Amino acid sequence: MCAAIAGQRGRRVLVLDHAPEPGRKILISGGGRCNFTNLQAVPDRYLSANPHFARSAIARYTPRDFLGLVEKHRIAWHEKTLGQLFCDGSARQIVAMLLEECRAGGVTLGLDAPIRSVDHADGRFRVEAGSWSAEAPALVIATGGPSIPKLGATGFAYDLARQFGLKVVEPRPALVPLTLGGEEALFRELSGVAAPVEARCGKAAFREAALFTHKGMSGPAILQVSSYWRHGQAIAIDFLPTAGTDWLREAKRQRPRAKLATVLGEHLPARLADTLAERLGVAGELGNASDKLLAAAEQRLAGWPFQPSGTEGFAKAEVTVGGISTAELSSQTMAARKLPGLYAIGEAVDVTGWLGGYNFQWAWASGWAAAQAL
């Protein structure tokens, strides 16, 4: 994105990529259909040590701007839930679009070119990569974070930033499944069971599906709170987020002979309903349970605490929280304050979006912002 815009502004641009093909993360995104942006991409849906950093770039290059580019290339698209936009066809259409935009800007693409060295002297950067040797007055770090290493992702951006004296906020996996251990490992017996819930971690709350796995918990609601979760913290799950107050005691009055597992099973998968009823210790008919016991069960179901033992790590993380400190960069141009000509964009920077196209929008917007300044 950055190369295409800069090239179309008349800059001579070389893109170096150690991968043999471009856009590998784009190709696997959205189940192969690329959730390329989100219509609700606003600054408060991004995590950063500076929560205001993303504001300028996202205001200047909006989801509608990127959608205009998609439509210019006649790529059919559709909106799913929560403002998420996907290709009707394939994620390959987005890669092809970006490559065509680069061609329009006369951009040179150097693939299968592992970076051997990067140096700076006399106001110029020198890069040795694969069979390439190049010099330029500006260098853009657009190498992402370490999530999904099997696609070639590394922490190279952080090494390069440190080489030039830029601080790095400790990176950690985000949008990642959580693991359960100890007594909570019993929930692994529910592997494959999903339910609509509200997941909470601190002040963050997401009402989407949660999925139990053989290692712990996943699904959109869990992936979302994982970005906010830290080791030692508990998360809370509301298994019936649409239930009113006193719903269980009301069920007792209306259906005294019903069992809790039966009532829960009308809203949740049977296996999950049975497990929750068993854990709550409410056996037998509701009419035989005290209001105090049912009130306690309601409260537990509305905020069931889980103590994750960890995450499934960068191998399963969709993105990375942390990265090159925003304190080191201009929010308008993505330029390093300490070293003229150096820029950092996208996931390499300490800006992380929610699940659902937000991180792509940050990539497009930060790339566009840097390209305006090159």
Protein backbone atom coordinates (compact mmCIF):
# COMPACT_ATOMS: atom_id res chain seq x y z
CA MET A 1 0.00 0.00 0.00
CA CYS A 2 2.74 2.40 1.00
CA ALA A 3 4.84 1.54 -2.06
CA ALA A 4 1.90 1.92 -4.45
CA ILE A 5 0.89 5.35 -3.16
CA ALA A 6 4.49 6.61 -2.99
CA GLY A 7 5.19 5.30 -6.50
CA GLN A 8 2.09 7.03 -7.85
CA ARG A 9 3.33 10.24 -6.23
CA GLY A 10 6.45 10.00 -8.39
CA ARG A 11 8.81 8.35 -5.92
CA ARG A 12 11.18 5.60 -7.03
CA VAL A 13 10.33 2.65 -4.81
CA LEU A 14 11.82 -0.79 -4.19
CA VAL A 15 9.89 -3.31 -2.07
CA LEU A 16 12.05 -6.06 -0.55
CA ASP A 17 10.39 -9.18 0.84
CA HIS A 18 12.11 -12.30 2.11
CA ALA A 19 9.08 -14.39 1.08
CA PRO A 20 8.88 -15.95 -2.38
CA GLU A 21 5.41 -14.47 -2.97
CA PRO A 22 3.79 -11.26 -1.69
CA GLY A 23 0.92 -10.94 0.76
CA ARG A 24 0.93 -14.38 2.35
CA LYS A 25 -0.99 -13.19 5.41
CA ILE A 26 -3.54 -11.53 3.15
CA LEU A 27 -4.08 -14.81 1.31
CA ILE A 28 -5.05 -16.77 4.46
CA SER A 29 -7.16 -14.01 6.02
CA GLY A 30 -10.91 -14.25 6.39
CA GLY A 31 -10.96 -17.93 5.52
CA GLY A 32 -9.33 -17.11 2.18
CA ARG A 33 -11.74 -14.26 1.39
CA CYS A 34 -9.86 -11.45 3.16
CA ASN A 35 -11.76 -9.38 5.72
CA PHE A 36 -10.12 -6.33 4.14
CA THR A 37 -11.57 -3.57 6.35
CA ASN A 38 -14.25 -2.71 8.86
CA LEU A 39 -16.75 0.12 8.42
CA GLN A 40 -16.56 0.78 12.17
CA ALA A 41 -12.78 1.32 12.26
CA VAL A 42 -12.41 4.14 14.80
CA PRO A 43 -9.48 4.88 17.14
CA ASP A 44 -11.02 3.41 20.31
CA ARG A 45 -10.96 -0.03 18.66
CA TYR A 46 -7.17 -0.06 18.64
CA LEU A 47 -4.82 -0.99 21.50
CA SER A 48 -1.65 1.03 21.99
CA ALA A 49 0.41 2.58 24.77
CA ASN A 50 -0.85 5.81 23.14
CA PRO A 51 -4.56 5.20 22.41
CA HIS A 52 -4.74 8.38 20.31
CA PHE A 53 -1.85 7.54 17.97
CA ALA A 54 -3.97 5.84 15.28
CA ARG A 55 -6.47 8.71 15.11
CA SER A 56 -4.74 10.85 12.46
CA ALA A 57 -3.99 8.13 9.90
CA ILE A 58 -7.39 6.45 10.21
CA ALA A 59 -9.21 9.79 9.87
CA ARG A 60 -7.26 10.64 6.73
CA TYR A 61 -7.53 7.25 5.01
CA THR A 62 -10.85 5.70 5.95
CA PRO A 63 -12.51 2.31 5.33
CA ARG A 64 -14.60 4.04 2.64
CA ASP A 65 -11.40 5.15 0.90
CA PHE A 66 -10.13 1.58 0.74
CA LEU A 67 -13.54 0.34 -0.34
CA GLY A 68 -13.36 2.84 -3.18
CA LEU A 69 -10.11 1.22 -4.30
CA VAL A 70 -11.70 -2.24 -4.12
CA GLU A 71 -14.63 -1.07 -6.24
CA LYS A 72 -12.32 0.68 -8.72
CA HIS A 73 -10.79 -2.76 -9.35
CA ARG A 74 -14.28 -4.25 -9.67
CA ILE A 75 -13.81 -6.68 -6.78
CA ALA A 76 -17.18 -7.93 -5.57
CA TRP A 77 -17.60 -7.71 -1.79
CA HIS A 78 -20.13 -8.22 0.97
CA GLU A 79 -20.65 -7.08 4.54
CA LYS A 80 -20.89 -9.66 7.28
CA THR A 81 -21.75 -8.85 10.90
CA LEU A 82 -20.35 -5.89 12.81
CA GLY A 83 -19.17 -3.91 9.76
CA GLN A 84 -16.79 -6.60 8.46
CA LEU A 85 -16.18 -6.44 4.68
CA PHE A 86 -15.06 -9.51 2.71
CA CYS A 87 -14.34 -10.37 -0.91
CA ASP A 88 -17.09 -12.42 -2.56
CA GLY A 89 -14.34 -14.32 -4.33
CA SER A 90 -10.80 -14.72 -3.08
CA ALA A 91 -8.21 -12.88 -1.00
CA ARG A 92 -5.99 -13.21 -4.08
CA GLN A 93 -8.03 -10.38 -5.60
CA ILE A 94 -6.75 -7.99 -2.90
CA VAL A 95 -3.14 -9.03 -3.48
CA ALA A 96 -3.61 -8.65 -7.25
CA MET A 97 -5.15 -5.20 -6.68
CA LEU A 98 -2.21 -4.02 -4.59
CA LEU A 99 0.28 -5.39 -7.12
CA GLU A 100 -1.57 -3.62 -9.94
CA GLU A 101 -1.48 -0.36 -7.94
CA CYS A 102 2.27 -0.86 -7.50
CA ARG A 103 2.68 -1.41 -11.24
CA ALA A 104 0.78 1.83 -11.83
CA GLY A 105 3.34 3.56 -9.62
CA GLY A 106 6.35 1.94 -11.30
CA VAL A 107 7.30 0.09 -8.12
CA THR A 108 10.04 -2.53 -8.29
CA LEU A 109 9.30 -5.73 -6.36
CA GLY A 110 12.18 -7.79 -4.97
CA LEU A 111 10.89 -11.15 -3.74
CA ASP A 112 12.77 -14.04 -2.13
CA ALA A 113 15.25 -11.47 -0.86
CA PRO A 114 16.26 -12.10 2.79
CA ILE A 115 17.73 -8.95 4.36
CA ARG A 116 21.45 -9.38 5.02
CA SER A 117 22.25 -5.91 6.34
CA VAL A 118 20.81 -2.43 6.79
CA ASP A 119 23.06 0.59 7.37
CA HIS A 120 22.70 4.35 7.53
CA ALA A 121 25.32 6.98 6.77
CA ASP A 122 25.41 10.49 5.33
CA GLY A 123 21.61 10.70 5.23
CA ARG A 124 21.19 7.53 3.18
CA PHE A 125 20.11 3.98 3.97
CA ARG A 126 21.87 1.02 2.39
CA VAL A 127 20.21 -2.39 2.25
CA GLU A 128 21.71 -5.70 1.17
CA ALA A 129 19.01 -8.29 0.51
CA GLY A 130 19.23 -11.46 -1.56
CA SER A 131 20.80 -10.42 -4.86
CA TRP A 132 19.84 -6.78 -4.24
CA SER A 133 21.99 -3.90 -3.10
CA ALA A 134 20.09 -0.62 -2.79
CA GLU A 135 20.51 2.90 -1.45
CA ALA A 136 17.82 5.46 -0.69
CA PRO A 137 17.16 8.53 1.46
CA ALA A 138 14.15 6.84 3.07
CA LEU A 139 13.49 3.39 4.52
CA VAL A 140 10.06 2.09 5.55
CA ILE A 141 9.81 -0.78 8.04
CA ALA A 142 6.69 -2.69 6.97
CA THR A 143 7.63 -6.21 8.05
CA GLY A 144 4.82 -6.86 10.54
CA GLY A 145 5.13 -8.74 13.81
CA PRO A 146 6.01 -12.31 14.79
CA SER A 147 2.49 -13.76 14.60
CA ILE A 148 2.10 -16.85 12.38
CA PRO A 149 5.81 -17.71 11.96
CA LYS A 150 5.01 -20.57 9.55
CA LEU A 151 4.20 -17.85 7.00
CA GLY A 152 7.65 -16.33 7.52
CA ALA A 153 6.72 -13.79 10.20
CA THR A 154 9.60 -12.74 12.49
CA GLY A 155 10.55 -10.01 14.95
CA PHE A 156 12.84 -8.42 12.33
CA ALA A 157 11.06 -5.06 12.60
CA TYR A 158 11.97 -4.83 16.29
CA ASP A 159 15.63 -5.73 15.65
CA LEU A 160 15.84 -3.01 13.01
CA ALA A 161 14.11 -0.47 15.24
CA ARG A 162 16.52 -1.17 18.11
CA GLN A 163 19.47 -0.94 15.71
CA PHE A 164 18.44 2.66 15.04
CA GLY A 165 17.77 3.47 18.69
CA LEU A 166 13.97 3.21 18.70
CA LYS A 167 12.23 1.76 21.74
CA VAL A 168 10.03 -1.32 21.41
CA VAL A 169 6.97 -2.07 23.55
CA GLU A 170 7.20 -5.74 24.58
CA PRO A 171 5.36 -7.76 21.92
CA ARG A 172 2.87 -10.47 22.90
CA PRO A 173 0.37 -12.64 21.02
CA ALA A 174 -3.04 -11.07 20.34
CA LEU A 175 -6.30 -12.32 18.82
CA VAL A 176 -5.16 -15.73 20.06
CA PRO A 177 -6.86 -18.75 21.70
CA LEU A 178 -6.46 -19.04 25.48
CA THR A 179 -5.38 -22.24 27.24
CA LEU A 180 -6.93 -23.68 30.39
CA GLY A 181 -5.20 -25.79 33.03
CA GLY A 182 -5.86 -27.31 36.44
CA GLU A 183 -9.50 -27.89 37.35
CA GLU A 184 -10.67 -25.79 34.39
CA ALA A 185 -9.08 -28.32 32.04
CA LEU A 186 -12.29 -30.32 32.59
CA PHE A 187 -13.95 -27.89 30.18
CA ARG A 188 -11.78 -29.42 27.44
CA GLU A 189 -14.31 -32.27 27.43
CA LEU A 190 -16.54 -29.74 25.65
CA SER A 191 -14.10 -29.45 22.73
CA GLY A 192 -15.99 -28.35 19.63
CA VAL A 193 -18.92 -26.79 21.53
CA ALA A 194 -19.63 -23.12 20.74
CA ALA A 195 -22.12 -20.66 22.19
CA PRO A 196 -22.94 -16.93 21.97
CA VAL A 197 -21.57 -15.29 25.13
CA GLU A 198 -20.20 -12.05 26.48
CA ALA A 199 -16.51 -12.34 27.36
CA ARG A 200 -14.96 -9.75 29.67
CA CYS A 201 -11.41 -8.88 30.66
CA GLY A 202 -11.07 -5.78 32.78
CA LYS A 203 -13.18 -3.07 31.14
CA ALA A 204 -13.17 -4.78 27.73
CA ALA A 205 -16.31 -6.77 26.85
CA PHE A 206 -17.24 -8.55 23.62
CA ARG A 207 -20.56 -10.23 22.80
CA GLU A 208 -19.79 -12.89 20.20
CA ALA A 209 -19.31 -16.65 20.03
CA ALA A 210 -16.94 -18.59 22.28
CA LEU A 211 -15.63 -22.03 21.36
CA PHE A 212 -14.26 -24.67 23.70
CA THR A 213 -11.18 -26.46 22.32
CA HIS A 214 -9.01 -29.39 23.38
CA LYS A 215 -6.56 -26.83 24.78
CA GLY A 216 -8.92 -24.23 26.23
CA MET A 217 -11.08 -21.54 24.64
CA SER A 218 -11.27 -19.79 21.28
CA GLY A 219 -13.91 -18.18 19.05
CA PRO A 220 -14.35 -14.47 18.27
CA ALA A 221 -15.28 -13.37 21.82
CA ILE A 222 -12.20 -15.08 23.29
CA LEU A 223 -9.86 -13.86 20.56
CA GLN A 224 -11.05 -10.32 21.22
CA VAL A 225 -10.45 -10.39 24.99
CA SER A 226 -7.11 -12.16 24.51
CA SER A 227 -5.63 -8.87 23.26
CA TYR A 228 -6.42 -7.30 26.64
CA TRP A 229 -5.53 -10.33 28.78
CA ARG A 230 -2.30 -10.55 30.80
CA HIS A 231 -0.87 -13.55 32.65
CA GLY A 232 -2.43 -13.88 36.07
CA GLN A 233 -5.67 -12.15 35.09
CA ALA A 234 -9.05 -13.87 35.08
CA ILE A 235 -11.61 -13.49 32.32
CA ALA A 236 -15.37 -13.67 32.91
CA ILE A 237 -17.94 -15.30 30.64
CA ASP A 238 -21.63 -14.40 30.69
CA PHE A 239 -23.23 -17.51 29.24
CA LEU A 240 -26.66 -15.85 28.96
CA PRO A 241 -25.97 -12.19 28.12
CA THR A 242 -29.54 -11.53 26.99
CA ALA A 243 -31.19 -12.99 30.11
CA GLY A 244 -32.96 -10.54 32.40
CA THR A 245 -32.58 -10.33 36.15
CA ASP A 246 -34.15 -13.09 38.27
CA TRP A 247 -34.69 -15.18 35.14
CA LEU A 248 -33.85 -18.44 36.90
CA ARG A 249 -36.11 -17.77 39.88
CA GLU A 250 -38.85 -16.80 37.44
CA ALA A 251 -38.32 -20.14 35.65
CA LYS A 252 -38.71 -21.89 39.02
CA ARG A 253 -42.05 -20.20 39.59
CA GLN A 254 -43.34 -20.96 36.10
CA ARG A 255 -41.85 -24.46 35.69
CA PRO A 256 -41.05 -25.89 39.12
CA ARG A 257 -40.60 -29.42 37.79
CA ALA A 258 -38.02 -28.43 35.14
CA LYS A 259 -34.33 -29.11 35.72
CA LEU A 260 -31.62 -26.46 35.35
CA ALA A 261 -29.89 -28.41 32.56
CA THR A 262 -33.19 -28.46 30.65
CA VAL A 263 -33.74 -24.71 31.04
CA LEU A 264 -30.14 -23.93 30.10
CA GLY A 265 -30.42 -26.32 27.15
CA GLU A 266 -33.07 -24.06 25.63
CA HIS A 267 -30.41 -21.36 25.22
CA LEU A 268 -27.12 -23.28 25.07
CA PRO A 269 -25.80 -26.51 23.51
CA ALA A 270 -26.89 -29.54 25.53
CA ARG A 271 -23.37 -30.64 26.48
CA LEU A 272 -22.53 -27.17 27.77
CA ALA A 273 -25.85 -26.90 29.62
CA ASP A 274 -25.26 -30.25 31.36
CA THR A 275 -21.72 -29.29 32.37
CA LEU A 276 -22.72 -25.89 33.75
CA ALA A 277 -25.66 -27.36 35.71
CA GLU A 278 -23.39 -30.00 37.19
CA ARG A 279 -20.74 -27.43 38.16
CA LEU A 280 -23.39 -25.23 39.79
CA GLY A 281 -24.60 -28.09 41.93
CA VAL A 282 -28.24 -27.55 40.99
CA ALA A 283 -29.55 -31.07 40.47
CA GLY A 284 -33.15 -32.18 40.55
CA GLU A 285 -36.15 -29.97 39.91
CA LEU A 286 -35.98 -26.18 40.16
CA GLY A 287 -38.92 -26.19 42.58
CA ASN A 288 -36.75 -27.99 45.12
CA ALA A 289 -33.92 -25.42 44.92
CA SER A 290 -33.85 -22.40 47.22
CA ASP A 291 -34.08 -18.91 45.78
CA LYS A 292 -30.69 -18.21 47.36
CA LEU A 293 -29.09 -21.12 45.47
CA LEU A 294 -30.71 -20.03 42.20
CA ALA A 295 -29.63 -16.40 42.70
CA ALA A 296 -26.06 -17.60 43.20
CA ALA A 297 -26.35 -19.73 40.04
CA GLU A 298 -27.63 -16.72 38.05
CA GLN A 299 -24.69 -14.65 39.27
CA ARG A 300 -22.18 -17.35 38.37
CA LEU A 301 -23.65 -17.84 34.90
CA ALA A 302 -23.47 -14.07 34.31
CA GLY A 303 -19.79 -13.88 35.19
CA TRP A 304 -18.23 -17.35 35.13
CA PRO A 305 -14.57 -16.83 35.99
CA PHE A 306 -11.84 -18.58 34.03
CA GLN A 307 -8.15 -18.33 34.90
CA PRO A 308 -6.29 -18.95 31.62
CA SER A 309 -2.94 -20.69 31.99
CA GLY A 310 -1.64 -18.92 28.89
CA THR A 311 -2.23 -18.53 25.16
CA GLU A 312 -1.48 -20.68 22.13
CA GLY A 313 1.32 -18.24 21.32
CA PHE A 314 2.47 -16.48 18.17
CA ALA A 315 1.92 -19.66 16.14
CA LYS A 316 -1.86 -19.20 16.47
CA ALA A 317 -2.04 -15.44 17.08
CA GLU A 318 -3.59 -13.42 14.26
CA VAL A 319 -1.66 -10.29 15.26
CA THR A 320 0.75 -8.90 17.84
CA VAL A 321 0.15 -6.43 20.66
CA GLY A 322 3.16 -4.15 21.22
CA GLY A 323 5.90 -3.28 18.76
CA ILE A 324 7.81 -0.15 17.81
CA SER A 325 6.86 2.49 20.36
CA THR A 326 4.49 5.17 19.08
CA ALA A 327 6.43 7.67 21.22
CA GLU A 328 9.23 7.30 18.65
CA LEU A 329 7.02 8.12 15.65
CA SER A 330 4.99 10.96 14.19
CA SER A 331 1.31 10.02 14.15
CA GLN A 332 0.86 12.09 10.96
CA THR A 333 3.71 10.67 8.88
CA MET A 334 4.85 7.49 10.70
CA ALA A 335 8.38 8.98 10.57
CA ALA A 336 10.91 8.26 13.31
CA ARG A 337 11.58 11.38 15.36
CA LYS A 338 15.24 10.51 15.97
CA LEU A 339 16.30 9.57 12.45
CA PRO A 340 15.07 11.49 9.37
CA GLY A 341 14.05 9.18 6.53
CA LEU A 342 13.11 6.21 8.71
CA TYR A 343 9.43 5.17 8.87
CA ALA A 344 7.49 2.32 10.50
CA ILE A 345 3.96 1.23 9.55
CA GLY A 346 1.39 -1.50 10.08
CA GLU A 347 1.70 -4.31 12.60
CA ALA A 348 5.37 -3.47 13.26
CA VAL A 349 4.08 -0.47 15.25
CA ASP A 350 2.48 -0.63 18.71
CA VAL A 351 -1.06 -0.33 17.30
CA THR A 352 -3.32 -3.40 17.36
CA GLY A 353 -6.91 -3.53 16.18
CA TRP A 354 -9.87 -5.63 17.16
CA LEU A 355 -10.79 -8.77 15.24
CA GLY A 356 -12.71 -8.15 12.02
CA GLY A 357 -10.72 -6.12 9.47
CA TYR A 358 -9.38 -3.45 11.84
CA ASN A 359 -5.74 -4.48 11.47
CA PHE A 360 -5.92 -4.39 7.69
CA GLN A 361 -7.39 -0.90 7.89
CA TRP A 362 -4.47 0.19 10.09
CA ALA A 363 -2.08 -1.27 7.51
CA TRP A 364 -3.74 0.63 4.65
CA ALA A 365 -4.05 3.89 6.63
CA SER A 366 -0.55 3.91 8.11
CA GLY A 367 0.94 2.93 4.74
CA TRP A 368 -0.97 5.74 3.04
CA ALA A 369 0.14 8.26 5.71
CA ALA A 370 3.81 7.35 5.32
CA ALA A 371 3.54 7.47 1.52
CA GLN A 372 2.28 11.06 1.69
CA ALA A 373 5.50 12.06 3.47
CA LEU A 374 8.04 10.10 1.40
